[in-house]
Amino acid sequence: MKSCNQHTLRDKYLRKGIIPAFQTREDMRVVDLVESFDAAGAFNAGRLAEASKLFLKMVENDATICLTLSGALTPTGMGGILVELIEEGLIDFIVSTGANVYHDLHFALDLPMHRGDFRANDAELRQAKIYRIYDMFVTDEVLVETDKFLQDLLNHGEDYPAMSSAQLHHIIGKVTLKKAPHPERSFVAQAARFGVPIFTSSPGDSAIGMMLALLKLHGGKAAVDPDLDVIQSAAIVHGSKKNGVITLGGGSPKNFYMQTQPMLEMVFGRPCRGHDYFIQITTDSPQWGGLSGATPQEAISWGKVREEETKNHAVVYCDASIAAPILMTYGLAKAEKRPQKRLYEKIPELVADLKRDAKPL
């Protein structure tokens, strides 16, 4: 006979139900696939389903949603789905590497990214002036044309005072909207159109940063002030009732967003509340101590994530080029369109509110 304690424990641990056999259909959609993942709840398919449901929860609760992008994801064409998220009001601000911003511009300028092969002879590629991003190729002509576009729009540095990276990317986006042949393909252009700020946590670490440095060497005045980025991103989080993030990869963009809570703790001199929602898609594991693999549980110790909201965290261990389009397509199919928060236009007001509420030194 089973003891009373056995029954209690079985009721506790077996309450989620029985795993069904996975069945496909000819008319199966991404939404159906995610629902099948959810029904089984197994391995990282189950975590992807949890993350997809959490994305809907973030939208339904009108959280201010940040997307962080590490590495170089836009060369894969992912910028197209980011445009859709921006248009539907499902992303409110972005923290990205400079590489994602730079390579996004190729698509707006109708400059090709080529399918390649990671087994190619790199010495021969160098001779042919073809540059490799794992299994994607980009030619010297594409980089030169993109650099010329950036140089032309930034060469009037006297018009630009020291600015945040969000202001820099807004300028780039506005010019792209006006002058590029296909601005509808660019998340940077559409972010400018809909008032979505794009921050870069390492402004000098990209071709855009190198272009600014080159112009400064020749007397240009345009410059990015990283301190303004810290202030403006913290002000956005401070001015939001609920905050959540979708982190693709990790690295510096992840930390830049997560550090807004410790920054507010420093500003106000009291414990920060932590972010309300956290989704990460990563291939890194936590035991190496790297930030890309750091779990939301670890973030609780820093006050970056709310301790009492453990059901509002999801980590998917998967290549972002696989899992992110599934999660985003699910969100676009299931979530109601939201009015854009247009946070870029509100930054001066949000910073003023942060300064007003800050504890005096």
Protein backbone atom coordinates (compact mmCIF):
# COMPACT_ATOMS: atom_id res chain seq x y z
CA MET A 1 0.00 0.00 0.00
CA LYS A 2 1.07 3.50 -0.69
CA SER A 3 1.47 5.64 2.37
CA CYS A 4 -0.40 8.87 2.88
CA ASN A 5 2.88 10.73 2.39
CA GLN A 6 3.43 8.94 -0.94
CA HIS A 7 0.02 10.04 -2.18
CA THR A 8 0.71 13.61 -1.11
CA LEU A 9 4.06 13.66 -2.90
CA ARG A 10 2.58 12.10 -6.05
CA ASP A 11 -0.20 14.66 -6.08
CA LYS A 12 2.43 17.38 -5.74
CA TYR A 13 4.74 16.18 -8.50
CA LEU A 14 2.34 14.57 -10.99
CA ARG A 15 -0.24 17.33 -11.18
CA LYS A 16 0.92 18.70 -14.55
CA GLY A 17 -0.52 15.78 -16.48
CA ILE A 18 0.60 13.14 -18.95
CA ILE A 19 2.89 13.80 -21.93
CA PRO A 20 1.03 13.16 -25.19
CA ALA A 21 2.55 11.66 -28.32
CA PHE A 22 3.77 14.37 -30.68
CA GLN A 23 1.69 14.48 -33.84
CA THR A 24 2.20 16.66 -36.90
CA ARG A 25 -0.37 17.92 -39.37
CA GLU A 26 -0.04 19.13 -42.93
CA ASP A 27 -1.50 22.52 -41.95
CA MET A 28 0.54 22.86 -38.76
CA ARG A 29 1.52 26.46 -37.92
CA VAL A 30 4.19 27.85 -35.61
CA VAL A 31 1.47 28.50 -33.02
CA ASP A 32 0.46 24.83 -33.16
CA LEU A 33 4.07 23.74 -32.85
CA VAL A 34 4.58 25.84 -29.70
CA GLU A 35 1.34 24.50 -28.23
CA SER A 36 2.62 20.97 -28.86
CA PHE A 37 5.86 21.88 -27.10
CA ASP A 38 3.80 23.23 -24.21
CA ALA A 39 1.69 20.07 -23.97
CA ALA A 40 4.82 17.95 -23.47
CA GLY A 41 6.82 20.54 -21.53
CA ALA A 42 9.99 18.57 -22.18
CA PHE A 43 13.57 19.76 -22.50
CA ASN A 44 14.20 23.05 -24.30
CA ALA A 45 11.08 22.71 -26.45
CA GLY A 46 9.21 23.02 -23.16
CA ARG A 47 11.31 26.01 -22.11
CA LEU A 48 10.65 27.66 -25.48
CA ALA A 49 6.92 27.20 -24.93
CA GLU A 50 7.26 28.72 -21.44
CA ALA A 51 9.16 31.68 -22.89
CA SER A 52 6.56 32.16 -25.65
CA LYS A 53 3.71 32.21 -23.10
CA LEU A 54 5.70 34.60 -20.93
CA PHE A 55 6.12 36.95 -23.90
CA LEU A 56 2.33 37.10 -24.18
CA LYS A 57 2.07 37.78 -20.45
CA MET A 58 4.50 40.68 -20.77
CA VAL A 59 2.38 42.16 -23.55
CA GLU A 60 -0.94 41.59 -21.76
CA ASN A 61 0.36 43.28 -18.59
CA ASP A 62 1.62 46.24 -20.65
CA ALA A 63 5.20 45.81 -19.50
CA THR A 64 7.85 48.00 -21.06
CA ILE A 65 9.63 45.36 -23.14
CA CYS A 66 13.31 45.57 -24.02
CA LEU A 67 15.00 43.39 -26.62
CA THR A 68 18.74 42.81 -26.28
CA LEU A 69 20.78 41.59 -29.24
CA SER A 70 24.30 40.22 -28.92
CA GLY A 71 26.75 39.19 -31.61
CA ALA A 72 25.72 39.69 -35.23
CA LEU A 73 22.18 38.40 -35.70
CA THR A 74 20.94 40.85 -38.33
CA PRO A 75 23.11 39.39 -41.13
CA THR A 76 20.87 36.31 -40.91
CA GLY A 77 17.91 38.45 -42.01
CA MET A 78 16.41 38.60 -38.51
CA GLY A 79 15.91 42.35 -38.82
CA GLY A 80 12.74 41.67 -40.81
CA ILE A 81 10.90 40.10 -37.88
CA LEU A 82 12.20 42.84 -35.57
CA VAL A 83 10.49 45.35 -37.88
CA GLU A 84 7.21 43.47 -37.39
CA LEU A 85 7.58 43.49 -33.60
CA ILE A 86 8.23 47.24 -33.63
CA GLU A 87 5.25 47.90 -35.92
CA GLU A 88 2.97 45.86 -33.63
CA GLY A 89 4.15 47.70 -30.52
CA LEU A 90 5.61 44.52 -29.00
CA ILE A 91 9.11 45.95 -28.46
CA ASP A 92 9.59 49.28 -26.67
CA PHE A 93 13.35 49.72 -26.67
CA ILE A 94 16.44 47.82 -27.78
CA VAL A 95 19.98 47.27 -26.50
CA SER A 96 22.23 45.94 -29.23
CA THR A 97 25.79 45.42 -30.25
CA GLY A 98 26.92 47.91 -32.85
CA ALA A 99 27.37 45.04 -35.31
CA ASN A 100 23.63 44.38 -35.42
CA VAL A 101 22.91 48.04 -36.17
CA TYR A 102 25.63 48.26 -38.83
CA HIS A 103 24.71 45.07 -40.71
CA ASP A 104 21.01 45.95 -40.56
CA LEU A 105 21.77 48.90 -42.82
CA HIS A 106 22.88 46.60 -45.69
CA PHE A 107 19.28 45.47 -46.11
CA ALA A 108 17.93 49.03 -46.20
CA LEU A 109 20.59 50.04 -48.72
CA ASP A 110 19.79 47.00 -50.90
CA LEU A 111 23.31 45.64 -50.42
CA PRO A 112 23.56 41.84 -50.39
CA MET A 113 24.55 39.46 -47.63
CA HIS A 114 25.52 36.15 -49.25
CA ARG A 115 25.03 32.58 -48.14
CA GLY A 116 28.46 31.12 -47.45
CA ASP A 117 30.16 28.14 -45.86
CA PHE A 118 32.04 27.93 -42.56
CA ARG A 119 34.43 25.44 -44.20
CA ALA A 120 35.61 27.95 -46.80
CA ASN A 121 39.29 28.77 -47.26
CA ASP A 122 39.67 32.02 -45.31
CA ALA A 123 42.98 32.90 -46.95
CA GLU A 124 41.25 32.76 -50.35
CA LEU A 125 38.35 34.79 -48.99
CA ARG A 126 40.85 37.43 -47.87
CA GLN A 127 42.32 37.57 -51.39
CA ALA A 128 38.84 37.97 -52.87
CA LYS A 129 37.93 40.65 -50.32
CA ILE A 130 35.09 38.55 -48.98
CA TYR A 131 34.49 38.68 -45.24
CA ARG A 132 33.03 35.73 -43.33
CA ILE A 133 30.54 35.79 -40.46
CA TYR A 134 30.56 32.05 -39.71
CA ASP A 135 28.59 30.76 -42.72
CA MET A 136 27.62 34.12 -44.24
CA PHE A 137 29.69 36.20 -46.66
CA VAL A 138 29.78 39.96 -47.21
CA THR A 139 31.91 41.67 -49.84
CA ASP A 140 34.24 44.62 -49.59
CA GLU A 141 31.91 46.66 -51.82
CA VAL A 142 29.02 46.24 -49.37
CA LEU A 143 31.10 47.41 -46.41
CA VAL A 144 32.51 50.38 -48.36
CA GLU A 145 29.03 51.51 -49.48
CA THR A 146 27.67 51.19 -45.95
CA ASP A 147 30.63 53.12 -44.55
CA LYS A 148 30.12 55.88 -47.14
CA PHE A 149 26.46 56.13 -46.18
CA LEU A 150 27.38 56.50 -42.51
CA GLN A 151 30.20 58.95 -43.22
CA ASP A 152 27.94 61.19 -45.28
CA LEU A 153 25.25 61.38 -42.61
CA LEU A 154 27.70 61.85 -39.71
CA ASN A 155 30.18 64.14 -41.45
CA HIS A 156 28.33 67.24 -40.30
CA GLY A 157 29.46 66.69 -36.73
CA GLU A 158 29.01 70.35 -35.81
CA ASP A 159 25.25 69.71 -35.89
CA TYR A 160 25.52 66.95 -33.29
CA PRO A 161 26.51 67.68 -29.68
CA ALA A 162 27.69 64.89 -27.37
CA MET A 163 24.81 62.44 -27.46
CA SER A 164 23.66 59.05 -26.26
CA SER A 165 23.88 56.03 -28.53
CA ALA A 166 20.07 56.13 -28.71
CA GLN A 167 20.30 59.64 -30.18
CA LEU A 168 22.99 58.52 -32.64
CA HIS A 169 20.90 55.58 -33.83
CA HIS A 170 17.81 57.76 -34.10
CA ILE A 171 19.74 60.08 -36.44
CA ILE A 172 20.93 57.10 -38.50
CA GLY A 173 17.41 55.71 -38.61
CA LYS A 174 15.84 59.00 -39.69
CA VAL A 175 18.31 59.43 -42.55
CA THR A 176 17.80 55.79 -43.55
CA LEU A 177 14.04 56.41 -43.71
CA LYS A 178 14.60 59.31 -46.11
CA LYS A 179 17.51 58.15 -48.25
CA ALA A 180 17.71 54.35 -48.30
CA PRO A 181 15.87 52.52 -51.09
CA HIS A 182 14.33 49.96 -48.70
CA PRO A 183 13.90 51.43 -45.20
CA GLU A 184 11.05 48.97 -44.58
CA ARG A 185 13.69 46.22 -44.29
CA SER A 186 15.60 47.99 -41.51
CA PHE A 187 14.77 47.71 -37.82
CA VAL A 188 16.95 50.77 -37.20
CA ALA A 189 14.86 52.85 -39.63
CA GLN A 190 11.55 51.58 -38.25
CA ALA A 191 12.73 52.15 -34.68
CA ALA A 192 13.29 55.80 -35.59
CA ARG A 193 9.88 55.95 -37.24
CA PHE A 194 8.07 54.57 -34.19
CA GLY A 195 10.16 56.21 -31.46
CA VAL A 196 11.90 53.03 -30.24
CA PRO A 197 15.28 53.88 -28.65
CA ILE A 198 18.25 51.70 -29.61
CA PHE A 199 21.18 51.74 -27.19
CA THR A 200 24.61 50.24 -27.79
CA SER A 201 26.38 49.16 -24.63
CA SER A 202 29.84 49.40 -26.27
CA PRO A 203 29.64 52.36 -28.68
CA GLY A 204 33.22 52.03 -29.94
CA ASP A 205 32.98 48.31 -30.66
CA SER A 206 31.65 48.31 -34.22
CA ALA A 207 32.13 49.82 -37.66
CA ILE A 208 29.87 52.69 -36.57
CA GLY A 209 32.17 53.43 -33.63
CA MET A 210 35.19 53.26 -35.91
CA MET A 211 33.53 55.69 -38.32
CA LEU A 212 32.88 58.19 -35.51
CA ALA A 213 36.51 57.83 -34.40
CA LEU A 214 37.78 58.39 -37.95
CA LEU A 215 35.70 61.54 -38.33
CA LYS A 216 36.89 62.83 -34.95
CA LEU A 217 40.49 62.26 -36.06
CA HIS A 218 39.76 64.65 -38.94
CA GLY A 219 38.04 67.28 -36.82
CA GLY A 220 34.51 65.91 -36.58
CA LYS A 221 32.46 66.90 -33.54
CA ALA A 222 29.96 64.03 -33.31
CA ALA A 223 30.56 61.95 -30.17
CA VAL A 224 28.71 59.41 -28.06
CA ASP A 225 28.63 59.89 -24.27
CA PRO A 226 28.10 56.44 -22.64
CA ASP A 227 27.07 58.13 -19.36
CA LEU A 228 23.97 59.43 -21.12
CA ASP A 229 23.11 55.86 -22.12
CA VAL A 230 23.22 54.73 -18.49
CA ILE A 231 21.03 57.64 -17.38
CA GLN A 232 18.49 57.34 -20.19
CA SER A 233 18.05 53.56 -19.93
CA ALA A 234 17.63 53.79 -16.15
CA ALA A 235 15.11 56.60 -16.62
CA ILE A 236 13.05 54.42 -18.98
CA VAL A 237 12.94 51.58 -16.44
CA HIS A 238 12.16 54.02 -13.59
CA GLY A 239 9.26 55.45 -15.56
CA SER A 240 7.65 52.06 -16.28
CA LYS A 241 5.13 50.26 -14.10
CA LYS A 242 6.41 46.85 -15.19
CA ASN A 243 9.61 45.92 -17.01
CA GLY A 244 10.62 42.86 -19.00
CA VAL A 245 13.32 41.72 -21.38
CA ILE A 246 13.89 39.27 -24.21
CA THR A 247 17.63 38.61 -24.35
CA LEU A 248 19.09 36.95 -27.43
CA GLY A 249 22.50 35.62 -26.50
CA GLY A 250 23.83 37.63 -23.61
CA GLY A 251 27.06 39.53 -23.18
CA SER A 252 27.29 43.28 -22.82
CA PRO A 253 23.78 44.13 -24.11
CA LYS A 254 22.27 41.78 -21.51
CA ASN A 255 24.19 43.34 -18.64
CA PHE A 256 23.53 46.88 -19.84
CA TYR A 257 19.79 46.27 -19.53
CA MET A 258 20.02 44.30 -16.29
CA GLN A 259 22.20 46.94 -14.61
CA THR A 260 19.40 49.52 -14.78
CA GLN A 261 18.06 48.08 -11.50
CA PRO A 262 21.34 48.42 -9.54
CA MET A 263 21.69 51.88 -11.09
CA LEU A 264 18.29 52.86 -9.67
CA GLU A 265 19.38 51.43 -6.33
CA MET A 266 22.36 53.78 -6.41
CA VAL A 267 20.21 56.72 -7.52
CA PHE A 268 17.59 56.27 -4.81
CA GLY A 269 19.69 54.76 -2.04
CA ARG A 270 17.20 51.94 -1.40
CA PRO A 271 16.79 48.36 -2.66
CA CYS A 272 15.57 48.20 -6.23
CA ARG A 273 12.51 46.13 -7.03
CA GLY A 274 14.11 44.11 -9.81
CA HIS A 275 12.80 43.46 -13.31
CA ASP A 276 9.40 41.79 -13.52
CA TYR A 277 9.96 39.49 -16.53
CA PHE A 278 13.04 37.80 -17.95
CA ILE A 279 13.41 35.69 -21.09
CA GLN A 280 16.78 34.58 -22.41
CA ILE A 281 17.76 32.45 -25.38
CA THR A 282 21.37 31.37 -25.05
CA THR A 283 23.79 28.58 -25.87
CA ASP A 284 26.00 29.39 -22.86
CA SER A 285 25.84 27.55 -19.55
CA PRO A 286 26.27 29.10 -16.11
CA GLN A 287 29.14 27.09 -14.64
CA TRP A 288 31.85 28.96 -16.58
CA GLY A 289 30.97 32.19 -14.79
CA GLY A 290 30.31 34.17 -17.97
CA LEU A 291 27.53 36.71 -18.13
CA SER A 292 25.87 35.14 -21.16
CA GLY A 293 25.19 31.99 -19.15
CA ALA A 294 24.21 33.72 -15.90
CA THR A 295 20.78 32.58 -14.73
CA PRO A 296 17.92 34.74 -13.48
CA GLN A 297 18.44 33.14 -10.07
CA GLU A 298 21.93 34.66 -10.00
CA ALA A 299 20.45 37.99 -11.07
CA ILE A 300 18.19 37.93 -7.99
CA SER A 301 21.28 38.21 -5.78
CA TRP A 302 22.10 41.51 -7.50
CA GLY A 303 18.57 42.86 -7.27
CA LYS A 304 18.25 42.74 -11.04
CA VAL A 305 15.25 40.37 -11.04
CA ARG A 306 12.34 40.24 -8.62
CA GLU A 307 12.69 37.40 -6.15
CA GLU A 308 8.95 36.79 -5.73
CA GLU A 309 8.32 36.51 -9.47
CA THR A 310 10.18 33.26 -10.16
CA LYS A 311 7.42 32.03 -12.49
CA ASN A 312 8.13 35.03 -14.71
CA HIS A 313 11.57 33.81 -15.79
CA ALA A 314 12.41 31.52 -18.70
CA VAL A 315 15.80 30.47 -20.10
CA VAL A 316 15.91 28.57 -23.39
CA TYR A 317 19.20 26.86 -24.19
CA CYS A 318 19.11 27.05 -27.97
CA ASP A 319 20.63 28.89 -30.94
CA ALA A 320 18.83 32.24 -31.15
CA SER A 321 18.55 31.91 -34.93
CA ILE A 322 16.26 28.90 -34.31
CA ALA A 323 14.36 29.76 -31.14
CA ALA A 324 13.90 33.54 -31.49
CA PRO A 325 11.89 33.45 -34.76
CA ILE A 326 9.60 30.78 -33.24
CA LEU A 327 9.03 32.81 -30.07
CA MET A 328 8.52 36.03 -32.02
CA THR A 329 6.19 34.47 -34.59
CA TYR A 330 4.13 33.02 -31.75
CA GLY A 331 3.94 36.45 -30.12
CA LEU A 332 2.96 38.17 -33.36
CA ALA A 333 0.22 35.60 -33.97
CA LYS A 334 -1.23 35.56 -30.45
CA ALA A 335 -0.64 39.00 -28.92
CA GLU A 336 -2.88 41.99 -29.44
CA LYS A 337 -1.26 44.91 -31.22
CA ARG A 338 -0.24 47.63 -28.74
CA PRO A 339 0.12 51.37 -29.35
CA GLN A 340 3.80 52.23 -29.54
CA LYS A 341 5.06 53.77 -26.29
CA ARG A 342 7.32 56.09 -28.35
CA LEU A 343 9.88 56.17 -25.56
CA TYR A 344 12.47 58.03 -27.63
CA GLU A 345 10.36 61.20 -27.63
CA LYS A 346 9.77 60.80 -23.88
CA ILE A 347 13.43 60.47 -22.87
CA PRO A 348 13.88 64.14 -21.80
CA GLU A 349 10.78 63.91 -19.59
CA LEU A 350 11.80 60.53 -18.16
CA VAL A 351 15.31 61.79 -17.34
CA ALA A 352 13.83 64.88 -15.66
CA ASP A 353 11.60 62.64 -13.54
CA LEU A 354 14.57 60.48 -12.57
CA LYS A 355 16.61 63.54 -11.58
CA ARG A 356 13.71 64.97 -9.59
CA ASP A 357 13.19 61.74 -7.65
CA ALA A 358 16.89 61.01 -7.05
CA LYS A 359 18.36 61.05 -3.56
CA PRO A 360 20.74 64.02 -3.12
CA LEU A 361 24.42 63.12 -2.75
